[in-house]
Structures are given as structure tokens and as C-alpha cells.
């Protein structure tokens, strides 16, 4: 809210939400299944929901990569097609976009080694 209302930006980039590995949490104070469950995804989804609820004007939320569980809360996914990155060859087929193209916007680039 502070960024969009006081600073005047039209959107915020949330790094790694869509690409970060889920970290198991074993803290019993957090009121979720210890070491499992879906608390990680639920937390990010709640964060995006609250961020949107506090906005007085439409704003954009963008994150790195295509995180399927976050499609309803993130407007733009910064995705990359990386061809032969660290020995892994990508065929360059946008399967995610073909399936979910009507539900989200992708932005990104293509890297070739």
C-alpha cells in the first residue's frame, strides 16, 4: 500500500514467489502442519490477497517464474526459456502458457548458451 499510494508506483515485483522452493517449517507456534502441508503456498496467497484489498487503485503484482498456485493473485509471471542452462536443454515449448494463457500474463526472454 505504501508503495502504490505514497510513492505512486503502479506495481510491485515480488522476487522468487513463483520459483522459490518450499521450505518445511517445524515451528509449532505457526499453527500449521509441522514439516508439511500447504502453509507456504497459503501464506503467499494470503499476502497477495491482502495487498490487493488495501489498494485504492488497480495495481500490478509480478513475480519470477510461473507459479501455478499463485495465478489468481499474481498478474504477471516473469518467465525465461533457458536453452542449455547448466547442461539442461529446454525444447522452447511454452506448455504453461498454452494451458494457462487465458488466466495470466507472462513476460520474459530467451537465453541460449
Protein backbone atom coordinates (compact mmCIF):
# COMPACT_ATOMS: atom_id res chain seq x y z
CA UNK A 1 0.00 0.00 0.00
CA UNK A 2 2.79 2.41 0.87
CA UNK A 3 4.50 1.89 -2.50
CA UNK A 4 1.36 2.39 -4.58
CA UNK A 5 -0.29 5.15 -2.54
CA UNK A 6 2.61 7.16 -1.16
CA UNK A 7 5.37 6.55 -3.69
CA UNK A 8 2.99 6.28 -6.65
CA UNK A 9 4.16 3.08 -8.33
CA UNK A 10 1.67 1.12 -10.42
CA UNK A 11 3.02 -2.27 -9.48
CA UNK A 12 5.38 -4.31 -7.35
CA UNK A 13 7.76 -7.11 -8.30
CA UNK A 14 7.86 -9.88 -5.68
CA UNK A 15 11.07 -11.78 -6.36
CA UNK A 16 11.00 -15.59 -6.33
CA UNK A 17 7.42 -16.17 -5.14
CA UNK A 18 6.67 -18.35 -8.15
CA UNK A 19 10.05 -20.09 -8.28
CA UNK A 20 11.25 -20.49 -4.67
CA UNK A 21 11.43 -23.98 -3.25
CA UNK A 22 9.02 -24.65 -0.41
CA UNK A 23 10.83 -24.78 2.91
CA UNK A 24 9.35 -27.11 5.52
CA UNK A 25 8.58 -25.36 8.79
CA UNK A 26 8.73 -27.12 12.14
CA UNK A 27 7.80 -24.19 14.37
CA UNK A 28 4.77 -25.23 16.49
CA UNK A 29 3.86 -21.55 17.09
CA UNK A 30 2.82 -21.13 13.45
CA UNK A 31 -0.37 -23.18 13.76
CA UNK A 32 0.09 -25.39 10.69
CA UNK A 33 1.11 -28.98 9.96
CA UNK A 34 4.70 -29.39 11.11
CA UNK A 35 7.11 -30.04 8.25
CA UNK A 36 4.42 -30.35 5.59
CA UNK A 37 1.04 -29.20 4.45
CA UNK A 38 0.42 -26.18 2.27
CA UNK A 39 1.22 -23.32 4.64
CA UNK A 40 3.92 -21.90 2.35
CA UNK A 41 1.53 -21.51 -0.58
CA UNK A 42 -1.30 -20.34 1.69
CA UNK A 43 0.94 -17.63 3.15
CA UNK A 44 1.89 -16.18 -0.23
CA UNK A 45 -1.70 -16.36 -1.45
CA UNK A 46 -2.92 -14.53 1.66
CA UNK A 47 -0.18 -11.92 1.24
CA UNK A 48 -1.25 -11.14 -2.34
CA UNK A 49 -4.92 -11.07 -1.31
CA UNK A 50 -4.22 -8.58 1.50
CA UNK A 51 -2.03 -6.45 -0.76
CA UNK A 52 -4.86 -6.18 -3.28
CA UNK A 53 -7.51 -5.47 -0.64
CA UNK A 54 -5.58 -2.42 0.62
CA UNK A 55 -5.20 -0.81 -2.80
CA UNK A 56 -7.29 2.22 -3.71
CA UNK A 57 -6.43 1.90 -7.40
CA UNK A 58 -5.65 -1.09 -9.62
CA UNK A 59 -2.05 -2.17 -9.32
CA UNK A 60 0.12 -4.95 -10.66
CA UNK A 61 1.83 -7.79 -8.81
CA UNK A 62 4.61 -9.59 -10.68
CA UNK A 63 6.83 -12.46 -9.64
CA UNK A 64 9.62 -14.59 -11.01
CA UNK A 65 8.60 -17.65 -12.97
CA UNK A 66 5.24 -19.36 -13.39
CA UNK A 67 3.89 -20.47 -10.02
CA UNK A 68 0.65 -22.32 -10.70
CA UNK A 69 -0.80 -21.90 -7.19
CA UNK A 70 -0.42 -18.12 -7.43
CA UNK A 71 -2.15 -17.44 -10.76
CA UNK A 72 -5.19 -15.91 -9.06
CA UNK A 73 -3.11 -13.42 -7.05
CA UNK A 74 -0.21 -12.54 -9.33
CA UNK A 75 -0.81 -10.59 -12.56
CA UNK A 76 2.43 -11.20 -14.42
CA UNK A 77 4.92 -14.05 -14.35
CA UNK A 78 8.49 -13.21 -15.35
CA UNK A 79 9.44 -16.40 -17.14
CA UNK A 80 12.50 -17.36 -19.10
CA UNK A 81 13.16 -20.04 -21.65
CA UNK A 82 16.68 -21.10 -20.88
CA UNK A 83 18.25 -23.24 -23.59
CA UNK A 84 21.12 -25.43 -22.39
CA UNK A 85 21.49 -23.85 -18.96
CA UNK A 86 23.91 -25.81 -16.78
CA UNK A 87 23.61 -28.86 -19.01
CA UNK A 88 19.79 -28.88 -19.10
CA UNK A 89 18.35 -28.37 -22.56
CA UNK A 90 14.95 -26.73 -22.93
CA UNK A 91 12.88 -27.53 -26.02
CA UNK A 92 11.50 -23.97 -26.05
CA UNK A 93 7.86 -25.06 -25.84
CA UNK A 94 5.60 -22.83 -23.74
CA UNK A 95 3.40 -25.54 -22.26
CA UNK A 96 2.47 -23.44 -19.22
CA UNK A 97 1.36 -20.58 -21.45
CA UNK A 98 -0.62 -22.93 -23.68
CA UNK A 99 -2.56 -24.25 -20.69
CA UNK A 100 -2.95 -21.11 -18.58
CA UNK A 101 -2.61 -18.36 -21.20
CA UNK A 102 -6.11 -17.07 -20.63
CA UNK A 103 -5.58 -16.74 -16.89
CA UNK A 104 -2.28 -14.89 -16.54
CA UNK A 105 0.27 -12.80 -18.43
CA UNK A 106 3.83 -13.94 -18.99
CA UNK A 107 6.79 -11.71 -19.63
CA UNK A 108 10.37 -12.73 -20.15
CA UNK A 109 13.06 -13.71 -22.53
CA UNK A 110 15.06 -16.46 -24.12
CA UNK A 111 18.61 -17.35 -23.16
CA UNK A 112 20.88 -19.50 -25.29
CA UNK A 113 24.36 -20.53 -24.34
